[in-house]
Amino acid sequence: MDSISATWLIEIVRAFGFAGFVGVMWYFDSKNFRKMLAQYKSDMDEQRKMYASNVKLVESYDRLAGDLKDVVIMNTQVMTKLVDAINTNQYCPQVRLEKQAKGKQGG
């Protein structure tokens, strides 16, 4: 209760009886209840904003994960080509010449 004095409460009880006292108490209680509801609404609005921020964060992470997947796939393809090139060894002139020479002799 904001600023209620004991003498004021006694005057209310004398003038209006117990029902008046209950009415005054109900008034102040509902006033406090409205304050609590306003604070609760403010808290829920803030929580809604946090959820919206989290959704944006998850969507950004999803795009990043998709881009990372594409990079991994491209790297795997390039590494496969590199392994094939190493295995066939077509880039070393000495080995290429030896293979050509063996091919002519064996054929």
PDB file of N, CA and C in Angstrom:
ATOM      1  N   MET A   1       0.845  -1.160   0.000  1.00  0.00           N
ATOM      2  CA  MET A   1       0.000   0.000   0.000  1.00  0.00           C
ATOM      3  C   MET A   1       0.893   1.226   0.000  1.00  0.00           C
ATOM      4  N   ASP A   2       0.542   2.155  -0.831  1.00  0.00           N
ATOM      5  CA  ASP A   2       1.412   3.291  -1.076  1.00  0.00           C
ATOM      6  C   ASP A   2       1.587   4.184   0.155  1.00  0.00           C
ATOM      7  N   SER A   3       0.584   4.932   0.510  1.00  0.00           N
ATOM      8  CA  SER A   3       0.728   5.857   1.641  1.00  0.00           C
ATOM      9  C   SER A   3      -0.560   5.860   2.468  1.00  0.00           C
ATOM     10  N   ILE A   4      -0.790   4.762   3.132  1.00  0.00           N
ATOM     11  CA  ILE A   4      -2.003   4.627   3.952  1.00  0.00           C
ATOM     12  C   ILE A   4      -1.583   4.699   5.415  1.00  0.00           C
ATOM     13  N   SER A   5      -2.217   5.565   6.145  1.00  0.00           N
ATOM     14  CA  SER A   5      -1.915   5.653   7.579  1.00  0.00           C
ATOM     15  C   SER A   5      -2.945   4.844   8.359  1.00  0.00           C
ATOM     16  N   ALA A   6      -2.577   4.502   9.561  1.00  0.00           N
ATOM     17  CA  ALA A   6      -3.469   3.705  10.405  1.00  0.00           C
ATOM     18  C   ALA A   6      -4.724   4.493  10.757  1.00  0.00           C
ATOM     19  N   THR A   7      -4.576   5.789  10.992  1.00  0.00           N
ATOM     20  CA  THR A   7      -5.754   6.589  11.352  1.00  0.00           C
ATOM     21  C   THR A   7      -6.732   6.651  10.182  1.00  0.00           C
ATOM     22  N   TRP A   8      -6.220   6.712   8.986  1.00  0.00           N
ATOM     23  CA  TRP A   8      -7.088   6.748   7.803  1.00  0.00           C
ATOM     24  C   TRP A   8      -7.882   5.448   7.691  1.00  0.00           C
ATOM     25  N   LEU A   9      -7.214   4.308   7.950  1.00  0.00           N
ATOM     26  CA  LEU A   9      -7.904   3.011   7.911  1.00  0.00           C
ATOM     27  C   LEU A   9      -8.986   2.940   8.995  1.00  0.00           C
ATOM     28  N   ILE A  10      -8.682   3.471  10.176  1.00  0.00           N
ATOM     29  CA  ILE A  10      -9.675   3.444  11.270  1.00  0.00           C
ATOM     30  C   ILE A  10     -10.893   4.287  10.898  1.00  0.00           C
ATOM     31  N   GLU A  11     -10.650   5.430  10.264  1.00  0.00           N
ATOM     32  CA  GLU A  11     -11.759   6.280   9.829  1.00  0.00           C
ATOM     33  C   GLU A  11     -12.625   5.564   8.791  1.00  0.00           C
ATOM     34  N   ILE A  12     -12.016   4.826   7.903  1.00  0.00           N
ATOM     35  CA  ILE A  12     -12.777   4.086   6.885  1.00  0.00           C
ATOM     36  C   ILE A  12     -13.628   3.016   7.548  1.00  0.00           C
ATOM     37  N   VAL A  13     -13.038   2.301   8.520  1.00  0.00           N
ATOM     38  CA  VAL A  13     -13.792   1.245   9.206  1.00  0.00           C
ATOM     39  C   VAL A  13     -14.967   1.860   9.960  1.00  0.00           C
ATOM     40  N   ARG A  14     -14.768   3.021  10.606  1.00  0.00           N
ATOM     41  CA  ARG A  14     -15.861   3.680  11.325  1.00  0.00           C
ATOM     42  C   ARG A  14     -16.963   4.135  10.366  1.00  0.00           C
ATOM     43  N   ALA A  15     -16.542   4.710   9.230  1.00  0.00           N
ATOM     44  CA  ALA A  15     -17.529   5.276   8.319  1.00  0.00           C
ATOM     45  C   ALA A  15     -18.266   4.208   7.514  1.00  0.00           C
ATOM     46  N   PHE A  16     -17.535   3.223   7.014  1.00  0.00           N
ATOM     47  CA  PHE A  16     -18.148   2.252   6.097  1.00  0.00           C
ATOM     48  C   PHE A  16     -18.190   0.833   6.649  1.00  0.00           C
ATOM     49  N   GLY A  17     -17.629   0.592   7.781  1.00  0.00           N
ATOM     50  CA  GLY A  17     -17.635  -0.733   8.377  1.00  0.00           C
ATOM     51  C   GLY A  17     -16.577  -1.649   7.741  1.00  0.00           C
ATOM     52  N   PHE A  18     -16.736  -2.896   8.066  1.00  0.00           N
ATOM     53  CA  PHE A  18     -15.769  -3.885   7.574  1.00  0.00           C
ATOM     54  C   PHE A  18     -15.786  -3.976   6.046  1.00  0.00           C
ATOM     55  N   ALA A  19     -16.962  -3.814   5.437  1.00  0.00           N
ATOM     56  CA  ALA A  19     -17.074  -3.875   3.978  1.00  0.00           C
ATOM     57  C   ALA A  19     -16.273  -2.751   3.333  1.00  0.00           C
ATOM     58  N   GLY A  20     -16.281  -1.579   3.926  1.00  0.00           N
ATOM     59  CA  GLY A  20     -15.485  -0.467   3.409  1.00  0.00           C
ATOM     60  C   GLY A  20     -14.000  -0.757   3.504  1.00  0.00           C
ATOM     61  N   PHE A  21     -13.603  -1.367   4.628  1.00  0.00           N
ATOM     62  CA  PHE A  21     -12.191  -1.732   4.810  1.00  0.00           C
ATOM     63  C   PHE A  21     -11.763  -2.744   3.747  1.00  0.00           C
ATOM     64  N   VAL A  22     -12.613  -3.750   3.515  1.00  0.00           N
ATOM     65  CA  VAL A  22     -12.308  -4.754   2.490  1.00  0.00           C
ATOM     66  C   VAL A  22     -12.256  -4.105   1.112  1.00  0.00           C
ATOM     67  N   GLY A  23     -13.150  -3.163   0.845  1.00  0.00           N
ATOM     68  CA  GLY A  23     -13.156  -2.466  -0.441  1.00  0.00           C
ATOM     69  C   GLY A  23     -11.870  -1.682  -0.662  1.00  0.00           C
ATOM     70  N   VAL A  24     -11.400  -1.001   0.367  1.00  0.00           N
ATOM     71  CA  VAL A  24     -10.144  -0.239   0.246  1.00  0.00           C
ATOM     72  C   VAL A  24      -8.978  -1.183   0.028  1.00  0.00           C
ATOM     73  N   MET A  25      -8.942  -2.258   0.772  1.00  0.00           N
ATOM     74  CA  MET A  25      -7.851  -3.228   0.614  1.00  0.00           C
ATOM     75  C   MET A  25      -7.889  -3.844  -0.786  1.00  0.00           C
ATOM     76  N   TRP A  26      -9.086  -4.155  -1.265  1.00  0.00           N
ATOM     77  CA  TRP A  26      -9.226  -4.697  -2.618  1.00  0.00           C
ATOM     78  C   TRP A  26      -8.727  -3.710  -3.661  1.00  0.00           C
ATOM     79  N   TYR A  27      -9.039  -2.416  -3.474  1.00  0.00           N
ATOM     80  CA  TYR A  27      -8.601  -1.389  -4.416  1.00  0.00           C
ATOM     81  C   TYR A  27      -7.073  -1.363  -4.507  1.00  0.00           C
ATOM     82  N   PHE A  28      -6.408  -1.319  -3.368  1.00  0.00           N
ATOM     83  CA  PHE A  28      -4.949  -1.258  -3.383  1.00  0.00           C
ATOM     84  C   PHE A  28      -4.331  -2.558  -3.899  1.00  0.00           C
ATOM     85  N   ASP A  29      -4.973  -3.669  -3.594  1.00  0.00           N
ATOM     86  CA  ASP A  29      -4.479  -4.946  -4.099  1.00  0.00           C
ATOM     87  C   ASP A  29      -4.599  -5.008  -5.625  1.00  0.00           C
ATOM     88  N   SER A  30      -5.726  -4.549  -6.159  1.00  0.00           N
ATOM     89  CA  SER A  30      -5.886  -4.579  -7.617  1.00  0.00           C
ATOM     90  C   SER A  30      -4.921  -3.603  -8.278  1.00  0.00           C
ATOM     91  N   LYS A  31      -4.609  -2.508  -7.607  1.00  0.00           N
ATOM     92  CA  LYS A  31      -3.638  -1.549  -8.136  1.00  0.00           C
ATOM     93  C   LYS A  31      -2.253  -2.212  -8.237  1.00  0.00           C
ATOM     94  N   ASN A  32      -1.880  -2.931  -7.187  1.00  0.00           N
ATOM     95  CA  ASN A  32      -0.603  -3.659  -7.218  1.00  0.00           C
ATOM     96  C   ASN A  32      -0.628  -4.764  -8.265  1.00  0.00           C
ATOM     97  N   PHE A  33      -1.770  -5.421  -8.397  1.00  0.00           N
ATOM     98  CA  PHE A  33      -1.907  -6.497  -9.376  1.00  0.00           C
ATOM     99  C   PHE A  33      -1.729  -5.956 -10.792  1.00  0.00           C
ATOM    100  N   ARG A  34      -2.287  -4.768 -11.069  1.00  0.00           N
ATOM    101  CA  ARG A  34      -2.115  -4.145 -12.382  1.00  0.00           C
ATOM    102  C   ARG A  34      -0.648  -3.830 -12.650  1.00  0.00           C
ATOM    103  N   LYS A  35       0.061  -3.389 -11.628  1.00  0.00           N
ATOM    104  CA  LYS A  35       1.500  -3.118 -11.780  1.00  0.00           C
ATOM    105  C   LYS A  35       2.249  -4.402 -12.125  1.00  0.00           C
ATOM    106  N   MET A  36       1.895  -5.479 -11.423  1.00  0.00           N
ATOM    107  CA  MET A  36       2.549  -6.762 -11.693  1.00  0.00           C
ATOM    108  C   MET A  36       2.243  -7.239 -13.105  1.00  0.00           C
ATOM    109  N   LEU A  37       1.002  -7.086 -13.552  1.00  0.00           N
ATOM    110  CA  LEU A  37       0.647  -7.496 -14.913  1.00  0.00           C
ATOM    111  C   LEU A  37       1.387  -6.664 -15.957  1.00  0.00           C
ATOM    112  N   ALA A  38       1.541  -5.376 -15.702  1.00  0.00           N
ATOM    113  CA  ALA A  38       2.282  -4.516 -16.633  1.00  0.00           C
ATOM    114  C   ALA A  38       3.741  -4.954 -16.700  1.00  0.00           C
ATOM    115  N   GLN A  39       4.323  -5.290 -15.552  1.00  0.00           N
ATOM    116  CA  GLN A  39       5.715  -5.761 -15.529  1.00  0.00           C
ATOM    117  C   GLN A  39       5.830  -7.109 -16.242  1.00  0.00           C
ATOM    118  N   TYR A  40       4.864  -7.977 -16.022  1.00  0.00           N
ATOM    119  CA  TYR A  40       4.855  -9.280 -16.688  1.00  0.00           C
ATOM    120  C   TYR A  40       4.762  -9.109 -18.205  1.00  0.00           C
ATOM    121  N   LYS A  41       3.908  -8.195 -18.669  1.00  0.00           N
ATOM    122  CA  LYS A  41       3.786  -7.933 -20.100  1.00  0.00           C
ATOM    123  C   LYS A  41       5.110  -7.419 -20.657  1.00  0.00           C
ATOM    124  N   SER A  42       5.746  -6.544 -19.928  1.00  0.00           N
ATOM    125  CA  SER A  42       7.045  -6.016 -20.359  1.00  0.00           C
ATOM    126  C   SER A  42       8.078  -7.140 -20.454  1.00  0.00           C
ATOM    127  N   ASP A  43       8.091  -8.013 -19.462  1.00  0.00           N
ATOM    128  CA  ASP A  43       9.027  -9.148 -19.475  1.00  0.00           C
ATOM    129  C   ASP A  43       8.754 -10.088 -20.640  1.00  0.00           C
ATOM    130  N   MET A  44       7.479 -10.354 -20.907  1.00  0.00           N
ATOM    131  CA  MET A  44       7.137 -11.242 -22.015  1.00  0.00           C
ATOM    132  C   MET A  44       7.490 -10.619 -23.362  1.00  0.00           C
ATOM    133  N   ASP A  45       7.313  -9.299 -23.500  1.00  0.00           N
ATOM    134  CA  ASP A  45       7.715  -8.622 -24.742  1.00  0.00           C
ATOM    135  C   ASP A  45       9.218  -8.741 -24.956  1.00  0.00           C
ATOM    136  N   GLU A  46       9.963  -8.582 -23.878  1.00  0.00           N
ATOM    137  CA  GLU A  46      11.417  -8.723 -23.974  1.00  0.00           C
ATOM    138  C   GLU A  46      11.805 -10.154 -24.344  1.00  0.00           C
ATOM    139  N   GLN A  47      11.121 -11.118 -23.766  1.00  0.00           N
ATOM    140  CA  GLN A  47      11.403 -12.521 -24.073  1.00  0.00           C
ATOM    141  C   GLN A  47      11.058 -12.831 -25.534  1.00  0.00           C
ATOM    142  N   ARG A  48       9.965 -12.253 -26.048  1.00  0.00           N
ATOM    143  CA  ARG A  48       9.599 -12.425 -27.453  1.00  0.00           C
ATOM    144  C   ARG A  48      10.698 -11.898 -28.367  1.00  0.00           C
ATOM    145  N   LYS A  49      11.260 -10.755 -28.007  1.00  0.00           N
ATOM    146  CA  LYS A  49      12.350 -10.178 -28.798  1.00  0.00           C
ATOM    147  C   LYS A  49      13.572 -11.096 -28.781  1.00  0.00           C
ATOM    148  N   MET A  50      13.851 -11.702 -27.628  1.00  0.00           N
ATOM    149  CA  MET A  50      14.995 -12.617 -27.538  1.00  0.00           C
ATOM    150  C   MET A  50      14.757 -13.842 -28.415  1.00  0.00           C
ATOM    151  N   TYR A  51      13.545 -14.379 -28.418  1.00  0.00           N
ATOM    152  CA  TYR A  51      13.236 -15.520 -29.277  1.00  0.00           C
ATOM    153  C   TYR A  51      13.399 -15.154 -30.747  1.00  0.00           C
ATOM    154  N   ALA A  52      12.949 -13.947 -31.130  1.00  0.00           N
ATOM    155  CA  ALA A  52      13.104 -13.505 -32.517  1.00  0.00           C
ATOM    156  C   ALA A  52      14.584 -13.393 -32.876  1.00  0.00           C
ATOM    157  N   SER A  53      15.395 -12.900 -31.953  1.00  0.00           N
ATOM    158  CA  SER A  53      16.837 -12.815 -32.202  1.00  0.00           C
ATOM    159  C   SER A  53      17.447 -14.206 -32.341  1.00  0.00           C
ATOM    160  N   ASN A  54      16.984 -15.145 -31.543  1.00  0.00           N
ATOM    161  CA  ASN A  54      17.488 -16.507 -31.637  1.00  0.00           C
ATOM    162  C   ASN A  54      17.109 -17.142 -32.968  1.00  0.00           C
ATOM    163  N   VAL A  55      15.919 -16.849 -33.462  1.00  0.00           N
ATOM    164  CA  VAL A  55      15.500 -17.382 -34.761  1.00  0.00           C
ATOM    165  C   VAL A  55      16.416 -16.846 -35.854  1.00  0.00           C
ATOM    166  N   LYS A  56      16.721 -15.547 -35.804  1.00  0.00           N
ATOM    167  CA  LYS A  56      17.640 -14.966 -36.793  1.00  0.00           C
ATOM    168  C   LYS A  56      19.012 -15.631 -36.703  1.00  0.00           C
ATOM    169  N   LEU A  57      19.475 -15.896 -35.489  1.00  0.00           N
ATOM    170  CA  LEU A  57      20.773 -16.536 -35.294  1.00  0.00           C
ATOM    171  C   LEU A  57      20.781 -17.948 -35.890  1.00  0.00           C
ATOM    172  N   VAL A  58      19.722 -18.693 -35.669  1.00  0.00           N
ATOM    173  CA  VAL A  58      19.640 -20.058 -36.206  1.00  0.00           C
ATOM    174  C   VAL A  58      19.582 -20.033 -37.731  1.00  0.00           C
ATOM    175  N   GLU A  59      18.830 -19.093 -38.292  1.00  0.00           N
ATOM    176  CA  GLU A  59      18.759 -18.998 -39.754  1.00  0.00           C
ATOM    177  C   GLU A  59      20.131 -18.648 -40.338  1.00  0.00           C
ATOM    178  N   SER A  60      20.861 -17.756 -39.694  1.00  0.00           N
ATOM    179  CA  SER A  60      22.206 -17.406 -40.157  1.00  0.00           C
ATOM    180  C   SER A  60      23.134 -18.613 -40.069  1.00  0.00           C
ATOM    181  N   TYR A  61      23.032 -19.362 -38.982  1.00  0.00           N
ATOM    182  CA  TYR A  61      23.860 -20.545 -38.809  1.00  0.00           C
ATOM    183  C   TYR A  61      23.524 -21.591 -39.871  1.00  0.00           C
ATOM    184  N   ASP A  62      22.251 -21.712 -40.215  1.00  0.00           N
ATOM    185  CA  ASP A  62      21.826 -22.669 -41.238  1.00  0.00           C
ATOM    186  C   ASP A  62      22.450 -22.316 -42.589  1.00  0.00           C
ATOM    187  N   ARG A  63      22.433 -21.026 -42.948  1.00  0.00           N
ATOM    188  CA  ARG A  63      23.059 -20.606 -44.200  1.00  0.00           C
ATOM    189  C   ARG A  63      24.564 -20.872 -44.169  1.00  0.00           C
ATOM    190  N   LEU A  64      25.191 -20.599 -43.034  1.00  0.00           N
ATOM    191  CA  LEU A  64      26.633 -20.834 -42.905  1.00  0.00           C
ATOM    192  C   LEU A  64      26.960 -22.318 -43.036  1.00  0.00           C
ATOM    193  N   ALA A  65      26.149 -23.159 -42.419  1.00  0.00           N
ATOM    194  CA  ALA A  65      26.365 -24.607 -42.518  1.00  0.00           C
ATOM    195  C   ALA A  65      26.203 -25.084 -43.958  1.00  0.00           C
ATOM    196  N   GLY A  66      25.228 -24.537 -44.682  1.00  0.00           N
ATOM    197  CA  GLY A  66      25.037 -24.898 -46.087  1.00  0.00           C
ATOM    198  C   GLY A  66      26.234 -24.488 -46.924  1.00  0.00           C
ATOM    199  N   ASP A  67      26.768 -23.288 -46.688  1.00  0.00           N
ATOM    200  CA  ASP A  67      27.952 -22.835 -47.413  1.00  0.00           C
ATOM    201  C   ASP A  67      29.155 -23.714 -47.087  1.00  0.00           C
ATOM    202  N   LEU A  68      29.294 -24.082 -45.819  1.00  0.00           N
ATOM    203  CA  LEU A  68      30.404 -24.945 -45.409  1.00  0.00           C
ATOM    204  C   LEU A  68      30.301 -26.307 -46.081  1.00  0.00           C
ATOM    205  N   LYS A  69      29.097 -26.826 -46.206  1.00  0.00           N
ATOM    206  CA  LYS A  69      28.890 -28.109 -46.883  1.00  0.00           C
ATOM    207  C   LYS A  69      29.353 -28.019 -48.336  1.00  0.00           C
ATOM    208  N   ASP A  70      29.010 -26.912 -49.000  1.00  0.00           N
ATOM    209  CA  ASP A  70      29.437 -26.729 -50.389  1.00  0.00           C
ATOM    210  C   ASP A  70      30.960 -26.674 -50.497  1.00  0.00           C
ATOM    211  N   VAL A  71      31.616 -26.004 -49.564  1.00  0.00           N
ATOM    212  CA  VAL A  71      33.085 -25.925 -49.575  1.00  0.00           C
ATOM    213  C   VAL A  71      33.697 -27.306 -49.379  1.00  0.00           C
ATOM    214  N   VAL A  72      33.139 -28.091 -48.461  1.00  0.00           N
ATOM    215  CA  VAL A  72      33.663 -29.442 -48.211  1.00  0.00           C
ATOM    216  C   VAL A  72      33.495 -30.313 -49.460  1.00  0.00           C
ATOM    217  N   ILE A  73      32.347 -30.202 -50.126  1.00  0.00           N
ATOM    218  CA  ILE A  73      32.116 -30.999 -51.336  1.00  0.00           C
ATOM    219  C   ILE A  73      33.107 -30.610 -52.429  1.00  0.00           C
ATOM    220  N   MET A  74      33.306 -29.299 -52.618  1.00  0.00           N
ATOM    221  CA  MET A  74      34.258 -28.859 -53.652  1.00  0.00           C
ATOM    222  C   MET A  74      35.682 -29.305 -53.320  1.00  0.00           C
ATOM    223  N   ASN A  75      36.065 -29.213 -52.055  1.00  0.00           N
ATOM    224  CA  ASN A  75      37.401 -29.667 -51.662  1.00  0.00           C
ATOM    225  C   ASN A  75      37.570 -31.169 -51.881  1.00  0.00           C
ATOM    226  N   THR A  76      36.533 -31.929 -51.598  1.00  0.00           N
ATOM    227  CA  THR A  76      36.591 -33.376 -51.814  1.00  0.00           C
ATOM    228  C   THR A  76      36.754 -33.691 -53.296  1.00  0.00           C
ATOM    229  N   GLN A  77      36.040 -32.988 -54.155  1.00  0.00           N
ATOM    230  CA  GLN A  77      36.166 -33.214 -55.600  1.00  0.00           C
ATOM    231  C   GLN A  77      37.578 -32.886 -56.079  1.00  0.00           C
ATOM    232  N   VAL A  78      38.125 -31.772 -55.616  1.00  0.00           N
ATOM    233  CA  VAL A  78      39.477 -31.385 -56.032  1.00  0.00           C
ATOM    234  C   VAL A  78      40.503 -32.392 -55.511  1.00  0.00           C
ATOM    235  N   MET A  79      40.328 -32.839 -54.279  1.00  0.00           N
ATOM    236  CA  MET A  79      41.276 -33.819 -53.729  1.00  0.00           C
ATOM    237  C   MET A  79      41.184 -35.148 -54.490  1.00  0.00           C
ATOM    238  N   THR A  80      40.001 -35.534 -54.916  1.00  0.00           N
ATOM    239  CA  THR A  80      39.841 -36.750 -55.713  1.00  0.00           C
ATOM    240  C   THR A  80      40.588 -36.617 -57.036  1.00  0.00           C
ATOM    241  N   LYS A  81      40.452 -35.473 -57.693  1.00  0.00           N
ATOM    242  CA  LYS A  81      41.187 -35.232 -58.941  1.00  0.00           C
ATOM    243  C   LYS A  81      42.688 -35.254 -58.691  1.00  0.00           C
ATOM    244  N   LEU A  82      43.113 -34.682 -57.572  1.00  0.00           N
ATOM    245  CA  LEU A  82      44.539 -34.657 -57.228  1.00  0.00           C
ATOM    246  C   LEU A  82      45.060 -36.075 -57.012  1.00  0.00           C
ATOM    247  N   VAL A  83      44.314 -36.899 -56.312  1.00  0.00           N
ATOM    248  CA  VAL A  83      44.729 -38.289 -56.084  1.00  0.00           C
ATOM    249  C   VAL A  83      44.809 -39.039 -57.420  1.00  0.00           C
ATOM    250  N   ASP A  84      43.829 -38.841 -58.292  1.00  0.00           N
ATOM    251  CA  ASP A  84      43.867 -39.478 -59.618  1.00  0.00           C
ATOM    252  C   ASP A  84      45.090 -39.026 -60.404  1.00  0.00           C
ATOM    253  N   ALA A  85      45.396 -37.739 -60.337  1.00  0.00           N
ATOM    254  CA  ALA A  85      46.559 -37.216 -61.057  1.00  0.00           C
ATOM    255  C   ALA A  85      47.852 -37.797 -60.494  1.00  0.00           C
ATOM    256  N   ILE A  86      47.913 -37.941 -59.178  1.00  0.00           N
ATOM    257  CA  ILE A  86      49.116 -38.521 -58.567  1.00  0.00           C
ATOM    258  C   ILE A  86      49.244 -39.986 -58.957  1.00  0.00           C
ATOM    259  N   ASN A  87      48.129 -40.710 -58.915  1.00  0.00           N
ATOM    260  CA  ASN A  87      48.167 -42.132 -59.238  1.00  0.00           C
ATOM    261  C   ASN A  87      48.532 -42.381 -60.703  1.00  0.00           C
ATOM    262  N   THR A  88      48.006 -41.569 -61.604  1.00  0.00           N
ATOM    263  CA  THR A  88      48.343 -41.761 -63.022  1.00  0.00           C
ATOM    264  C   THR A  88      49.669 -41.090 -63.366  1.00  0.00           C
ATOM    265  N   ASN A  89      50.098 -40.155 -62.533  1.00  0.00           N
ATOM    266  CA  ASN A  89      51.398 -39.494 -62.628  1.00  0.00           C
ATOM    267  C   ASN A  89      51.665 -38.959 -64.038  1.00  0.00           C
ATOM    268  N   GLN A  90      50.756 -38.170 -64.559  1.00  0.00           N
ATOM    269  CA  GLN A  90      50.894 -37.597 -65.887  1.00  0.00           C
ATOM    270  C   GLN A  90      51.607 -36.245 -65.880  1.00  0.00           C
ATOM    271  N   TYR A  91      51.966 -35.741 -64.709  1.00  0.00           N
ATOM    272  CA  TYR A  91      52.539 -34.402 -64.639  1.00  0.00           C
ATOM    273  C   TYR A  91      54.056 -34.412 -64.515  1.00  0.00           C
ATOM    274  N   CYS A  92      54.662 -35.531 -64.185  1.00  0.00           N
ATOM    275  CA  CYS A  92      56.118 -35.635 -64.098  1.00  0.00           C
ATOM    276  C   CYS A  92      56.638 -36.063 -65.472  1.00  0.00           C
ATOM    277  N   PRO A  93      57.437 -35.237 -66.125  1.00  0.00           N
ATOM    278  CA  PRO A  93      57.898 -35.570 -67.480  1.00  0.00           C
ATOM    279  C   PRO A  93      58.700 -36.870 -67.540  1.00  0.00           C
ATOM    280  N   GLN A  94      59.510 -37.125 -66.527  1.00  0.00           N
ATOM    281  CA  GLN A  94      60.346 -38.318 -66.537  1.00  0.00           C
ATOM    282  C   GLN A  94      59.484 -39.579 -66.519  1.00  0.00           C
ATOM    283  N   VAL A  95      58.504 -39.625 -65.622  1.00  0.00           N
ATOM    284  CA  VAL A  95      57.630 -40.794 -65.514  1.00  0.00           C
ATOM    285  C   VAL A  95      56.767 -40.918 -66.762  1.00  0.00           C
ATOM    286  N   ARG A  96      56.307 -39.793 -67.300  1.00  0.00           N
ATOM    287  CA  ARG A  96      55.476 -39.813 -68.495  1.00  0.00           C
ATOM    288  C   ARG A  96      56.261 -40.397 -69.675  1.00  0.00           C
ATOM    289  N   LEU A  97      57.507 -40.016 -69.785  1.00  0.00           N
ATOM    290  CA  LEU A  97      58.336 -40.544 -70.865  1.00  0.00           C
ATOM    291  C   LEU A  97      58.597 -42.038 -70.685  1.00  0.00           C
ATOM    292  N   GLU A  98      58.825 -42.459 -69.423  1.00  0.00           N
ATOM    293  CA  GLU A  98      59.054 -43.881 -69.147  1.00  0.00           C
ATOM    294  C   GLU A  98      57.807 -44.697 -69.489  1.00  0.00           C
ATOM    295  N   LYS A  99      56.627 -44.186 -69.148  1.00  0.00           N
ATOM    296  CA  LYS A  99      55.373 -44.886 -69.443  1.00  0.00           C
ATOM    297  C   LYS A  99      55.167 -44.995 -70.952  1.00  0.00           C
ATOM    298  N   GLN A 100      55.472 -43.940 -71.654  1.00  0.00           N
ATOM    299  CA  GLN A 100      55.318 -43.967 -73.107  1.00  0.00           C
ATOM    300  C   GLN A 100      56.286 -44.965 -73.720  1.00  0.00           C
ATOM    301  N   ALA A 101      57.511 -45.030 -73.165  1.00  0.00           N
ATOM    302  CA  ALA A 101      58.508 -45.947 -73.692  1.00  0.00           C
ATOM    303  C   ALA A 101      58.080 -47.380 -73.413  1.00  0.00           C
ATOM    304  N   LYS A 102      57.574 -47.664 -72.218  1.00  0.00           N
ATOM    305  CA  LYS A 102      57.109 -49.011 -71.906  1.00  0.00           C
ATOM    306  C   LYS A 102      55.901 -49.366 -72.754  1.00  0.00           C
ATOM    307  N   GLY A 103      55.063 -48.412 -73.007  1.00  0.00           N
ATOM    308  CA  GLY A 103      53.878 -48.670 -73.824  1.00  0.00           C
ATOM    309  C   GLY A 103      54.267 -49.061 -75.254  1.00  0.00           C
ATOM    310  N   LYS A 104      55.291 -48.431 -75.776  1.00  0.00           N
ATOM    311  CA  LYS A 104      55.733 -48.757 -77.143  1.00  0.00           C
ATOM    312  C   LYS A 104      56.396 -50.108 -77.208  1.00  0.00           C
ATOM    313  N   GLN A 105      57.137 -50.460 -76.149  1.00  0.00           N
ATOM    314  CA  GLN A 105      57.828 -51.752 -76.135  1.00  0.00           C
ATOM    315  C   GLN A 105      56.839 -52.899 -75.935  1.00  0.00           C
ATOM    316  N   GLY A 106      55.853 -52.656 -75.053  1.00  0.00           N
ATOM    317  CA  GLY A 106      54.919 -53.751 -74.734  1.00  0.00           C
ATOM    318  C   GLY A 106      53.877 -53.914 -75.815  1.00  0.00           C
ATOM    319  N   GLY A 107      53.676 -52.958 -76.673  1.00  0.00           N
ATOM    320  CA  GLY A 107      52.592 -53.008 -77.618  1.00  0.00           C
ATOM    321  C   GLY A 107      52.969 -53.568 -78.878  1.00  0.00           C
TER     322      GLY A 107
END
